[in-house]
Amino acid sequence: MAIEPGISNIQCRIYQPPKSSMQSGRAKTHSWVLEYEPETARHPEPLMGWTASGDTLNQVRIGFPTKEEAIAFAEREGFGYSVEEPKPHRVRPRSYADNFRYIPPKPAAAG
């Protein structure tokens, strides 16, 4: 069920997730994710003290194989969206010998 364009005020962001710090490879970082922006602020729940929100869309993350498909979905549903481009991945060539290389200390600044 599609919402008419322009009626919804739902905002979302489209991005490529970064690699987990627990992995050395770049697997699962080539897909795109559409995530809804929170509409209400989070606050501590009075009974348990947990962080709560009245907005259930915070929990929804939709994956897409390409950026264009994620944008097409947001436009088809009438959502406002922002696209965050991924940072370029730099590979620094290193060798095992670099672990044992002597780097002389920098001289202290005279002051």
PDB file of N, CA and C in Angstrom:
ATOM      1  N   MET A   1       0.845  -1.170   0.000  1.00  0.00           N
ATOM      2  CA  MET A   1       0.000   0.000   0.000  1.00  0.00           C
ATOM      3  C   MET A   1       0.891   1.234   0.000  1.00  0.00           C
ATOM      4  N   ALA A   2       0.885   1.957  -1.067  1.00  0.00           N
ATOM      5  CA  ALA A   2       1.742   3.128  -1.206  1.00  0.00           C
ATOM      6  C   ALA A   2       1.013   4.384  -0.731  1.00  0.00           C
ATOM      7  N   ILE A   3       1.753   5.260  -0.123  1.00  0.00           N
ATOM      8  CA  ILE A   3       1.224   6.543   0.333  1.00  0.00           C
ATOM      9  C   ILE A   3       1.359   7.528  -0.817  1.00  0.00           C
ATOM     10  N   GLU A   4       0.400   8.426  -0.948  1.00  0.00           N
ATOM     11  CA  GLU A   4       0.494   9.417  -2.011  1.00  0.00           C
ATOM     12  C   GLU A   4       1.713  10.296  -1.792  1.00  0.00           C
ATOM     13  N   PRO A   5       2.480  10.610  -2.863  1.00  0.00           N
ATOM     14  CA  PRO A   5       3.670  11.438  -2.704  1.00  0.00           C
ATOM     15  C   PRO A   5       3.340  12.798  -2.111  1.00  0.00           C
ATOM     16  N   GLY A   6       4.178  13.244  -1.186  1.00  0.00           N
ATOM     17  CA  GLY A   6       4.012  14.563  -0.591  1.00  0.00           C
ATOM     18  C   GLY A   6       3.161  14.574   0.663  1.00  0.00           C
ATOM     19  N   ILE A   7       2.413  13.503   0.944  1.00  0.00           N
ATOM     20  CA  ILE A   7       1.562  13.486   2.131  1.00  0.00           C
ATOM     21  C   ILE A   7       2.368  13.124   3.371  1.00  0.00           C
ATOM     22  N   SER A   8       3.273  12.172   3.234  1.00  0.00           N
ATOM     23  CA  SER A   8       4.041  11.702   4.377  1.00  0.00           C
ATOM     24  C   SER A   8       5.145  12.696   4.744  1.00  0.00           C
ATOM     25  N   ASN A   9       5.391  12.844   6.033  1.00  0.00           N
ATOM     26  CA  ASN A   9       6.508  13.678   6.476  1.00  0.00           C
ATOM     27  C   ASN A   9       7.601  12.827   7.092  1.00  0.00           C
ATOM     28  N   ILE A  10       7.629  11.546   6.763  1.00  0.00           N
ATOM     29  CA  ILE A  10       8.637  10.635   7.289  1.00  0.00           C
ATOM     30  C   ILE A  10       9.974  10.931   6.606  1.00  0.00           C
ATOM     31  N   GLN A  11      11.003  11.075   7.413  1.00  0.00           N
ATOM     32  CA  GLN A  11      12.351  11.304   6.898  1.00  0.00           C
ATOM     33  C   GLN A  11      13.171  10.037   7.099  1.00  0.00           C
ATOM     34  N   CYS A  12      14.033   9.732   6.148  1.00  0.00           N
ATOM     35  CA  CYS A  12      14.901   8.572   6.280  1.00  0.00           C
ATOM     36  C   CYS A  12      16.266   8.907   5.704  1.00  0.00           C
ATOM     37  N   ARG A  13      17.236   8.087   6.042  1.00  0.00           N
ATOM     38  CA  ARG A  13      18.576   8.265   5.493  1.00  0.00           C
ATOM     39  C   ARG A  13      19.000   6.976   4.822  1.00  0.00           C
ATOM     40  N   ILE A  14      19.755   7.130   3.744  1.00  0.00           N
ATOM     41  CA  ILE A  14      20.218   6.002   2.951  1.00  0.00           C
ATOM     42  C   ILE A  14      21.737   6.019   3.009  1.00  0.00           C
ATOM     43  N   TYR A  15      22.336   4.885   3.397  1.00  0.00           N
ATOM     44  CA  TYR A  15      23.788   4.842   3.546  1.00  0.00           C
ATOM     45  C   TYR A  15      24.290   3.418   3.361  1.00  0.00           C
ATOM     46  N   GLN A  16      25.603   3.298   3.184  1.00  0.00           N
ATOM     47  CA  GLN A  16      26.261   2.000   3.156  1.00  0.00           C
ATOM     48  C   GLN A  16      26.848   1.771   4.534  1.00  0.00           C
ATOM     49  N   PRO A  17      26.517   0.654   5.189  1.00  0.00           N
ATOM     50  CA  PRO A  17      27.038   0.446   6.537  1.00  0.00           C
ATOM     51  C   PRO A  17      28.554   0.220   6.516  1.00  0.00           C
ATOM     52  N   PRO A  18      29.281   0.748   7.514  1.00  0.00           N
ATOM     53  CA  PRO A  18      30.721   0.505   7.582  1.00  0.00           C
ATOM     54  C   PRO A  18      30.994  -0.914   8.045  1.00  0.00           C
ATOM     55  N   LYS A  19      32.206  -1.362   7.868  1.00  0.00           N
ATOM     56  CA  LYS A  19      32.543  -2.710   8.323  1.00  0.00           C
ATOM     57  C   LYS A  19      32.581  -2.727   9.840  1.00  0.00           C
ATOM     58  N   SER A  20      32.274  -3.868  10.389  1.00  0.00           N
ATOM     59  CA  SER A  20      32.305  -4.019  11.835  1.00  0.00           C
ATOM     60  C   SER A  20      33.753  -3.991  12.312  1.00  0.00           C
ATOM     61  N   SER A  21      33.982  -3.468  13.491  1.00  0.00           N
ATOM     62  CA  SER A  21      35.344  -3.458  14.021  1.00  0.00           C
ATOM     63  C   SER A  21      35.788  -4.860  14.417  1.00  0.00           C
ATOM     64  N   MET A  22      34.867  -5.791  14.447  1.00  0.00           N
ATOM     65  CA  MET A  22      35.198  -7.167  14.809  1.00  0.00           C
ATOM     66  C   MET A  22      35.586  -8.011  13.603  1.00  0.00           C
ATOM     67  N   GLN A  23      35.570  -7.441  12.421  1.00  0.00           N
ATOM     68  CA  GLN A  23      35.929  -8.210  11.238  1.00  0.00           C
ATOM     69  C   GLN A  23      37.067  -7.522  10.507  1.00  0.00           C
ATOM     70  N   SER A  24      37.879  -8.312   9.840  1.00  0.00           N
ATOM     71  CA  SER A  24      38.992  -7.728   9.100  1.00  0.00           C
ATOM     72  C   SER A  24      38.640  -7.518   7.640  1.00  0.00           C
ATOM     73  N   GLY A  25      37.662  -8.252   7.123  1.00  0.00           N
ATOM     74  CA  GLY A  25      37.280  -8.129   5.726  1.00  0.00           C
ATOM     75  C   GLY A  25      36.222  -7.064   5.514  1.00  0.00           C
ATOM     76  N   ARG A  26      35.823  -6.878   4.266  1.00  0.00           N
ATOM     77  CA  ARG A  26      34.842  -5.860   3.927  1.00  0.00           C
ATOM     78  C   ARG A  26      33.510  -6.491   3.503  1.00  0.00           C
ATOM     79  N   ALA A  27      33.243  -7.701   3.974  1.00  0.00           N
ATOM     80  CA  ALA A  27      31.993  -8.385   3.631  1.00  0.00           C
ATOM     81  C   ALA A  27      30.806  -7.644   4.227  1.00  0.00           C
ATOM     82  N   LYS A  28      29.679  -7.744   3.580  1.00  0.00           N
ATOM     83  CA  LYS A  28      28.417  -7.137   4.016  1.00  0.00           C
ATOM     84  C   LYS A  28      28.480  -5.613   4.081  1.00  0.00           C
ATOM     85  N   THR A  29      29.386  -4.996   3.342  1.00  0.00           N
ATOM     86  CA  THR A  29      29.451  -3.536   3.310  1.00  0.00           C
ATOM     87  C   THR A  29      29.101  -2.994   1.934  1.00  0.00           C
ATOM     88  N   HIS A  30      28.679  -3.858   1.018  1.00  0.00           N
ATOM     89  CA  HIS A  30      28.390  -3.406  -0.339  1.00  0.00           C
ATOM     90  C   HIS A  30      26.904  -3.115  -0.551  1.00  0.00           C
ATOM     91  N   SER A  31      26.060  -3.499   0.407  1.00  0.00           N
ATOM     92  CA  SER A  31      24.636  -3.217   0.281  1.00  0.00           C
ATOM     93  C   SER A  31      24.336  -1.827   0.844  1.00  0.00           C
ATOM     94  N   TRP A  32      23.135  -1.353   0.593  1.00  0.00           N
ATOM     95  CA  TRP A  32      22.691  -0.043   1.075  1.00  0.00           C
ATOM     96  C   TRP A  32      21.556  -0.243   2.058  1.00  0.00           C
ATOM     97  N   VAL A  33      21.458   0.641   3.041  1.00  0.00           N
ATOM     98  CA  VAL A  33      20.452   0.535   4.096  1.00  0.00           C
ATOM     99  C   VAL A  33      19.608   1.800   4.120  1.00  0.00           C
ATOM    100  N   LEU A  34      18.293   1.623   4.244  1.00  0.00           N
ATOM    101  CA  LEU A  34      17.379   2.739   4.454  1.00  0.00           C
ATOM    102  C   LEU A  34      16.941   2.660   5.909  1.00  0.00           C
ATOM    103  N   GLU A  35      17.174   3.733   6.640  1.00  0.00           N
ATOM    104  CA  GLU A  35      16.855   3.779   8.066  1.00  0.00           C
ATOM    105  C   GLU A  35      16.034   5.028   8.332  1.00  0.00           C
ATOM    106  N   TYR A  36      14.970   4.893   9.095  1.00  0.00           N
ATOM    107  CA  TYR A  36      14.099   6.027   9.383  1.00  0.00           C
ATOM    108  C   TYR A  36      14.709   6.924  10.455  1.00  0.00           C
ATOM    109  N   GLU A  37      14.560   8.231  10.287  1.00  0.00           N
ATOM    110  CA  GLU A  37      15.017   9.187  11.288  1.00  0.00           C
ATOM    111  C   GLU A  37      14.005   9.215  12.430  1.00  0.00           C
ATOM    112  N   PRO A  38      14.468   9.307  13.676  1.00  0.00           N
ATOM    113  CA  PRO A  38      13.520   9.339  14.792  1.00  0.00           C
ATOM    114  C   PRO A  38      12.695  10.631  14.780  1.00  0.00           C
ATOM    115  N   GLU A  39      11.396  10.480  14.998  1.00  0.00           N
ATOM    116  CA  GLU A  39      10.509  11.645  15.010  1.00  0.00           C
ATOM    117  C   GLU A  39      10.328  12.205  16.418  1.00  0.00           C
ATOM    118  N   THR A  40      10.486  11.353  17.420  1.00  0.00           N
ATOM    119  CA  THR A  40      10.353  11.810  18.800  1.00  0.00           C
ATOM    120  C   THR A  40      11.651  11.547  19.542  1.00  0.00           C
ATOM    121  N   ALA A  41      11.916  12.354  20.550  1.00  0.00           N
ATOM    122  CA  ALA A  41      13.133  12.186  21.342  1.00  0.00           C
ATOM    123  C   ALA A  41      13.008  10.957  22.250  1.00  0.00           C
ATOM    124  N   ARG A  42      14.119  10.347  22.545  1.00  0.00           N
ATOM    125  CA  ARG A  42      14.119   9.228  23.479  1.00  0.00           C
ATOM    126  C   ARG A  42      14.176   9.769  24.897  1.00  0.00           C
ATOM    127  N   HIS A  43      13.574   9.044  25.807  1.00  0.00           N
ATOM    128  CA  HIS A  43      13.540   9.485  27.194  1.00  0.00           C
ATOM    129  C   HIS A  43      13.552   8.259  28.107  1.00  0.00           C
ATOM    130  N   PRO A  44      14.002   8.416  29.355  1.00  0.00           N
ATOM    131  CA  PRO A  44      13.993   7.267  30.259  1.00  0.00           C
ATOM    132  C   PRO A  44      12.572   6.911  30.680  1.00  0.00           C
ATOM    133  N   GLU A  45      12.286   5.645  30.653  1.00  0.00           N
ATOM    134  CA  GLU A  45      10.978   5.165  31.062  1.00  0.00           C
ATOM    135  C   GLU A  45      10.861   5.272  32.581  1.00  0.00           C
ATOM    136  N   PRO A  46       9.740   5.778  33.117  1.00  0.00           N
ATOM    137  CA  PRO A  46       9.659   6.006  34.559  1.00  0.00           C
ATOM    138  C   PRO A  46       9.707   4.737  35.408  1.00  0.00           C
ATOM    139  N   LEU A  47       9.157   3.629  34.937  1.00  0.00           N
ATOM    140  CA  LEU A  47       9.097   2.424  35.757  1.00  0.00           C
ATOM    141  C   LEU A  47      10.440   1.712  35.853  1.00  0.00           C
ATOM    142  N   MET A  48      11.048   1.411  34.708  1.00  0.00           N
ATOM    143  CA  MET A  48      12.283   0.624  34.697  1.00  0.00           C
ATOM    144  C   MET A  48      13.533   1.456  34.459  1.00  0.00           C
ATOM    145  N   GLY A  49      13.377   2.665  33.936  1.00  0.00           N
ATOM    146  CA  GLY A  49      14.543   3.490  33.667  1.00  0.00           C
ATOM    147  C   GLY A  49      15.200   3.200  32.331  1.00  0.00           C
ATOM    148  N   TRP A  50      14.593   2.317  31.517  1.00  0.00           N
ATOM    149  CA  TRP A  50      15.145   2.014  30.210  1.00  0.00           C
ATOM    150  C   TRP A  50      14.894   3.182  29.273  1.00  0.00           C
ATOM    151  N   THR A  51      15.682   3.275  28.226  1.00  0.00           N
ATOM    152  CA  THR A  51      15.467   4.320  27.235  1.00  0.00           C
ATOM    153  C   THR A  51      14.294   3.908  26.362  1.00  0.00           C
ATOM    154  N   ALA A  52      13.313   4.789  26.252  1.00  0.00           N
ATOM    155  CA  ALA A  52      12.103   4.477  25.507  1.00  0.00           C
ATOM    156  C   ALA A  52      11.823   5.570  24.490  1.00  0.00           C
ATOM    157  N   SER A  53      11.002   5.237  23.514  1.00  0.00           N
ATOM    158  CA  SER A  53      10.594   6.182  22.499  1.00  0.00           C
ATOM    159  C   SER A  53       9.199   5.807  22.033  1.00  0.00           C
ATOM    160  N   GLY A  54       8.414   6.789  21.661  1.00  0.00           N
ATOM    161  CA  GLY A  54       7.084   6.524  21.149  1.00  0.00           C
ATOM    162  C   GLY A  54       7.076   6.202  19.673  1.00  0.00           C
ATOM    163  N   ASP A  55       8.233   6.246  19.039  1.00  0.00           N
ATOM    164  CA  ASP A  55       8.352   6.045  17.604  1.00  0.00           C
ATOM    165  C   ASP A  55       8.863   4.636  17.323  1.00  0.00           C
ATOM    166  N   THR A  56       8.044   3.782  16.704  1.00  0.00           N
ATOM    167  CA  THR A  56       8.458   2.403  16.443  1.00  0.00           C
ATOM    168  C   THR A  56       9.248   2.261  15.143  1.00  0.00           C
ATOM    169  N   LEU A  57       9.303   3.300  14.328  1.00  0.00           N
ATOM    170  CA  LEU A  57      10.059   3.196  13.078  1.00  0.00           C
ATOM    171  C   LEU A  57      11.569   3.186  13.317  1.00  0.00           C
ATOM    172  N   ASN A  58      12.029   3.542  14.532  1.00  0.00           N
ATOM    173  CA  ASN A  58      13.474   3.507  14.831  1.00  0.00           C
ATOM    174  C   ASN A  58      14.019   2.099  14.655  1.00  0.00           C
ATOM    175  N   GLN A  59      13.168   1.103  14.815  1.00  0.00           N
ATOM    176  CA  GLN A  59      13.622  -0.284  14.812  1.00  0.00           C
ATOM    177  C   GLN A  59      13.684  -0.875  13.407  1.00  0.00           C
ATOM    178  N   VAL A  60      13.233  -0.145  12.409  1.00  0.00           N
ATOM    179  CA  VAL A  60      13.141  -0.681  11.048  1.00  0.00           C
ATOM    180  C   VAL A  60      14.359  -0.267  10.237  1.00  0.00           C
ATOM    181  N   ARG A  61      15.033  -1.270   9.671  1.00  0.00           N
ATOM    182  CA  ARG A  61      16.147  -1.047   8.730  1.00  0.00           C
ATOM    183  C   ARG A  61      15.883  -1.929   7.525  1.00  0.00           C
ATOM    184  N   ILE A  62      15.861  -1.323   6.346  1.00  0.00           N
ATOM    185  CA  ILE A  62      15.572  -2.060   5.125  1.00  0.00           C
ATOM    186  C   ILE A  62      16.827  -2.074   4.264  1.00  0.00           C
ATOM    187  N   GLY A  63      17.246  -3.238   3.827  1.00  0.00           N
ATOM    188  CA  GLY A  63      18.440  -3.383   3.004  1.00  0.00           C
ATOM    189  C   GLY A  63      18.108  -3.414   1.526  1.00  0.00           C
ATOM    190  N   PHE A  64      18.990  -2.836   0.711  1.00  0.00           N
ATOM    191  CA  PHE A  64      18.835  -2.808  -0.745  1.00  0.00           C
ATOM    192  C   PHE A  64      20.187  -3.130  -1.381  1.00  0.00           C
ATOM    193  N   PRO A  65      20.181  -3.792  -2.533  1.00  0.00           N
ATOM    194  CA  PRO A  65      21.464  -4.096  -3.190  1.00  0.00           C
ATOM    195  C   PRO A  65      22.146  -2.862  -3.789  1.00  0.00           C
ATOM    196  N   THR A  66      21.364  -1.852  -4.189  1.00  0.00           N
ATOM    197  CA  THR A  66      21.964  -0.656  -4.785  1.00  0.00           C
ATOM    198  C   THR A  66      21.358   0.605  -4.189  1.00  0.00           C
ATOM    199  N   LYS A  67      22.091   1.702  -4.329  1.00  0.00           N
ATOM    200  CA  LYS A  67      21.616   3.001  -3.848  1.00  0.00           C
ATOM    201  C   LYS A  67      20.378   3.440  -4.620  1.00  0.00           C
ATOM    202  N   GLU A  68      20.359   3.182  -5.922  1.00  0.00           N
ATOM    203  CA  GLU A  68      19.244   3.606  -6.757  1.00  0.00           C
ATOM    204  C   GLU A  68      17.934   2.932  -6.341  1.00  0.00           C
ATOM    205  N   GLU A  69      18.008   1.658  -5.944  1.00  0.00           N
ATOM    206  CA  GLU A  69      16.804   0.962  -5.499  1.00  0.00           C
ATOM    207  C   GLU A  69      16.287   1.544  -4.193  1.00  0.00           C
ATOM    208  N   ALA A  70      17.174   1.926  -3.290  1.00  0.00           N
ATOM    209  CA  ALA A  70      16.758   2.523  -2.019  1.00  0.00           C
ATOM    210  C   ALA A  70      16.112   3.886  -2.257  1.00  0.00           C
ATOM    211  N   ILE A  71      16.691   4.675  -3.163  1.00  0.00           N
ATOM    212  CA  ILE A  71      16.121   5.988  -3.487  1.00  0.00           C
ATOM    213  C   ILE A  71      14.753   5.824  -4.150  1.00  0.00           C
ATOM    214  N   ALA A  72      14.639   4.859  -5.068  1.00  0.00           N
ATOM    215  CA  ALA A  72      13.368   4.615  -5.741  1.00  0.00           C
ATOM    216  C   ALA A  72      12.288   4.218  -4.736  1.00  0.00           C
ATOM    217  N   PHE A  73      12.649   3.403  -3.737  1.00  0.00           N
ATOM    218  CA  PHE A  73      11.679   3.003  -2.712  1.00  0.00           C
ATOM    219  C   PHE A  73      11.212   4.216  -1.916  1.00  0.00           C
ATOM    220  N   ALA A  74      12.151   5.065  -1.485  1.00  0.00           N
ATOM    221  CA  ALA A  74      11.792   6.247  -0.694  1.00  0.00           C
ATOM    222  C   ALA A  74      10.907   7.188  -1.502  1.00  0.00           C
ATOM    223  N   GLU A  75      11.226   7.385  -2.777  1.00  0.00           N
ATOM    224  CA  GLU A  75      10.409   8.274  -3.612  1.00  0.00           C
ATOM    225  C   GLU A  75       9.034   7.674  -3.878  1.00  0.00           C
ATOM    226  N   ARG A  76       8.976   6.362  -4.100  1.00  0.00           N
ATOM    227  CA  ARG A  76       7.694   5.707  -4.364  1.00  0.00           C
ATOM    228  C   ARG A  76       6.769   5.809  -3.146  1.00  0.00           C
ATOM    229  N   GLU A  77       7.339   5.721  -1.936  1.00  0.00           N
ATOM    230  CA  GLU A  77       6.533   5.791  -0.717  1.00  0.00           C
ATOM    231  C   GLU A  77       6.288   7.231  -0.262  1.00  0.00           C
ATOM    232  N   GLY A  78       6.933   8.195  -0.889  1.00  0.00           N
ATOM    233  CA  GLY A  78       6.723   9.593  -0.540  1.00  0.00           C
ATOM    234  C   GLY A  78       7.522  10.049   0.671  1.00  0.00           C
ATOM    235  N   PHE A  79       8.627   9.361   0.977  1.00  0.00           N
ATOM    236  CA  PHE A  79       9.453   9.723   2.123  1.00  0.00           C
ATOM    237  C   PHE A  79      10.482  10.768   1.719  1.00  0.00           C
ATOM    238  N   GLY A  80      10.803  11.668   2.638  1.00  0.00           N
ATOM    239  CA  GLY A  80      11.948  12.542   2.445  1.00  0.00           C
ATOM    240  C   GLY A  80      13.197  11.739   2.779  1.00  0.00           C
ATOM    241  N   TYR A  81      14.276  11.944   2.055  1.00  0.00           N
ATOM    242  CA  TYR A  81      15.469  11.132   2.300  1.00  0.00           C
ATOM    243  C   TYR A  81      16.728  11.957   2.109  1.00  0.00           C
ATOM    244  N   SER A  82      17.792  11.497   2.738  1.00  0.00           N
ATOM    245  CA  SER A  82      19.125  12.046   2.514  1.00  0.00           C
ATOM    246  C   SER A  82      20.055  10.864   2.269  1.00  0.00           C
ATOM    247  N   VAL A  83      20.988  11.048   1.343  1.00  0.00           N
ATOM    248  CA  VAL A  83      21.915   9.983   0.979  1.00  0.00           C
ATOM    249  C   VAL A  83      23.294  10.333   1.528  1.00  0.00           C
ATOM    250  N   GLU A  84      23.884   9.411   2.281  1.00  0.00           N
ATOM    251  CA  GLU A  84      25.234   9.580   2.804  1.00  0.00           C
ATOM    252  C   GLU A  84      26.174   8.710   1.978  1.00  0.00           C
ATOM    253  N   GLU A  85      27.038   9.355   1.230  1.00  0.00           N
ATOM    254  CA  GLU A  85      27.996   8.617   0.402  1.00  0.00           C
ATOM    255  C   GLU A  85      29.083   8.012   1.293  1.00  0.00           C
ATOM    256  N   PRO A  86      29.549   6.811   0.969  1.00  0.00           N
ATOM    257  CA  PRO A  86      30.596   6.190   1.787  1.00  0.00           C
ATOM    258  C   PRO A  86      31.943   6.878   1.595  1.00  0.00           C
ATOM    259  N   LYS A  87      32.759   6.843   2.624  1.00  0.00           N
ATOM    260  CA  LYS A  87      34.110   7.387   2.524  1.00  0.00           C
ATOM    261  C   LYS A  87      34.943   6.429   1.677  1.00  0.00           C
ATOM    262  N   PRO A  88      35.881   6.961   0.891  1.00  0.00           N
ATOM    263  CA  PRO A  88      36.710   6.064   0.077  1.00  0.00           C
ATOM    264  C   PRO A  88      37.593   5.186   0.966  1.00  0.00           C
ATOM    265  N   HIS A  89      37.741   3.950   0.576  1.00  0.00           N
ATOM    266  CA  HIS A  89      38.540   2.986   1.333  1.00  0.00           C
ATOM    267  C   HIS A  89      39.990   3.063   0.871  1.00  0.00           C
ATOM    268  N   ARG A  90      40.887   3.383   1.789  1.00  0.00           N
ATOM    269  CA  ARG A  90      42.310   3.456   1.454  1.00  0.00           C
ATOM    270  C   ARG A  90      43.014   2.208   1.960  1.00  0.00           C
ATOM    271  N   VAL A  91      43.853   1.643   1.118  1.00  0.00           N
ATOM    272  CA  VAL A  91      44.669   0.505   1.512  1.00  0.00           C
ATOM    273  C   VAL A  91      46.101   1.006   1.635  1.00  0.00           C
ATOM    274  N   ARG A  92      46.650   0.889   2.829  1.00  0.00           N
ATOM    275  CA  ARG A  92      48.034   1.302   3.051  1.00  0.00           C
ATOM    276  C   ARG A  92      48.920   0.071   2.914  1.00  0.00           C
ATOM    277  N   PRO A  93      49.780   0.044   1.903  1.00  0.00           N
ATOM    278  CA  PRO A  93      50.638  -1.125   1.758  1.00  0.00           C
ATOM    279  C   PRO A  93      51.633  -1.196   2.922  1.00  0.00           C
ATOM    280  N   ARG A  94      51.711  -2.349   3.558  1.00  0.00           N
ATOM    281  CA  ARG A  94      52.626  -2.562   4.666  1.00  0.00           C
ATOM    282  C   ARG A  94      53.275  -3.918   4.500  1.00  0.00           C
ATOM    283  N   SER A  95      54.414  -4.054   5.115  1.00  0.00           N
ATOM    284  CA  SER A  95      55.088  -5.341   5.101  1.00  0.00           C
ATOM    285  C   SER A  95      55.347  -5.772   6.540  1.00  0.00           C
ATOM    286  N   TYR A  96      55.686  -7.021   6.706  1.00  0.00           N
ATOM    287  CA  TYR A  96      55.951  -7.552   8.039  1.00  0.00           C
ATOM    288  C   TYR A  96      57.152  -6.860   8.667  1.00  0.00           C
ATOM    289  N   ALA A  97      58.102  -6.441   7.857  1.00  0.00           N
ATOM    290  CA  ALA A  97      59.316  -5.786   8.367  1.00  0.00           C
ATOM    291  C   ALA A  97      58.996  -4.426   8.996  1.00  0.00           C
ATOM    292  N   ASP A  98      57.888  -3.804   8.591  1.00  0.00           N
ATOM    293  CA  ASP A  98      57.517  -2.508   9.180  1.00  0.00           C
ATOM    294  C   ASP A  98      57.234  -2.619  10.674  1.00  0.00           C
ATOM    295  N   ASN A  99      56.886  -3.799  11.157  1.00  0.00           N
ATOM    296  CA  ASN A  99      56.627  -3.975  12.584  1.00  0.00           C
ATOM    297  C   ASN A  99      57.897  -3.792  13.416  1.00  0.00           C
ATOM    298  N   PHE A 100      59.057  -3.972  12.819  1.00  0.00           N
ATOM    299  CA  PHE A 100      60.321  -3.915  13.550  1.00  0.00           C
ATOM    300  C   PHE A 100      61.201  -2.741  13.128  1.00  0.00           C
ATOM    301  N   ARG A 101      60.670  -1.863  12.316  1.00  0.00           N
ATOM    302  CA  ARG A 101      61.438  -0.728  11.811  1.00  0.00           C
ATOM    303  C   ARG A 101      61.693   0.276  12.926  1.00  0.00           C
ATOM    304  N   TYR A 102      62.909   0.810  12.969  1.00  0.00           N
ATOM    305  CA  TYR A 102      63.264   1.820  13.971  1.00  0.00           C
ATOM    306  C   TYR A 102      62.852   3.196  13.449  1.00  0.00           C
ATOM    307  N   ILE A 103      62.049   3.888  14.222  1.00  0.00           N
ATOM    308  CA  ILE A 103      61.663   5.249  13.884  1.00  0.00           C
ATOM    309  C   ILE A 103      62.230   6.139  14.973  1.00  0.00           C
ATOM    310  N   PRO A 104      63.208   6.991  14.631  1.00  0.00           N
ATOM    311  CA  PRO A 104      63.835   7.818  15.672  1.00  0.00           C
ATOM    312  C   PRO A 104      62.823   8.795  16.294  1.00  0.00           C
ATOM    313  N   PRO A 105      62.966   9.057  17.589  1.00  0.00           N
ATOM    314  CA  PRO A 105      62.037   9.988  18.241  1.00  0.00           C
ATOM    315  C   PRO A 105      62.208  11.387  17.709  1.00  0.00           C
ATOM    316  N   LYS A 106      61.113  12.152  17.723  1.00  0.00           N
ATOM    317  CA  LYS A 106      61.169  13.534  17.243  1.00  0.00           C
ATOM    318  C   LYS A 106      61.798  14.401  18.345  1.00  0.00           C
ATOM    319  N   PRO A 107      62.619  15.387  17.940  1.00  0.00           N
ATOM    320  CA  PRO A 107      63.230  16.244  18.954  1.00  0.00           C
ATOM    321  C   PRO A 107      62.179  17.093  19.651  1.00  0.00           C
ATOM    322  N   ALA A 108      62.419  17.353  20.945  1.00  0.00           N
ATOM    323  CA  ALA A 108      61.485  18.174  21.726  1.00  0.00           C
ATOM    324  C   ALA A 108      61.555  19.615  21.252  1.00  0.00           C
ATOM    325  N   ALA A 109      60.434  20.280  21.259  1.00  0.00           N
ATOM    326  CA  ALA A 109      60.384  21.682  20.824  1.00  0.00           C
ATOM    327  C   ALA A 109      61.044  22.560  21.893  1.00  0.00           C
ATOM    328  N   ALA A 110      61.912  23.449  21.438  1.00  0.00           N
ATOM    329  CA  ALA A 110      62.587  24.378  22.363  1.00  0.00           C
ATOM    330  C   ALA A 110      61.606  25.479  22.743  1.00  0.00           C
ATOM    331  N   GLY A 111      61.516  25.761  23.962  1.00  0.00           N
ATOM    332  CA  GLY A 111      60.527  26.749  24.315  1.00  0.00           C
ATOM    333  C   GLY A 111      60.868  27.493  25.488  1.00  0.00           C
TER     334      GLY A 111
END
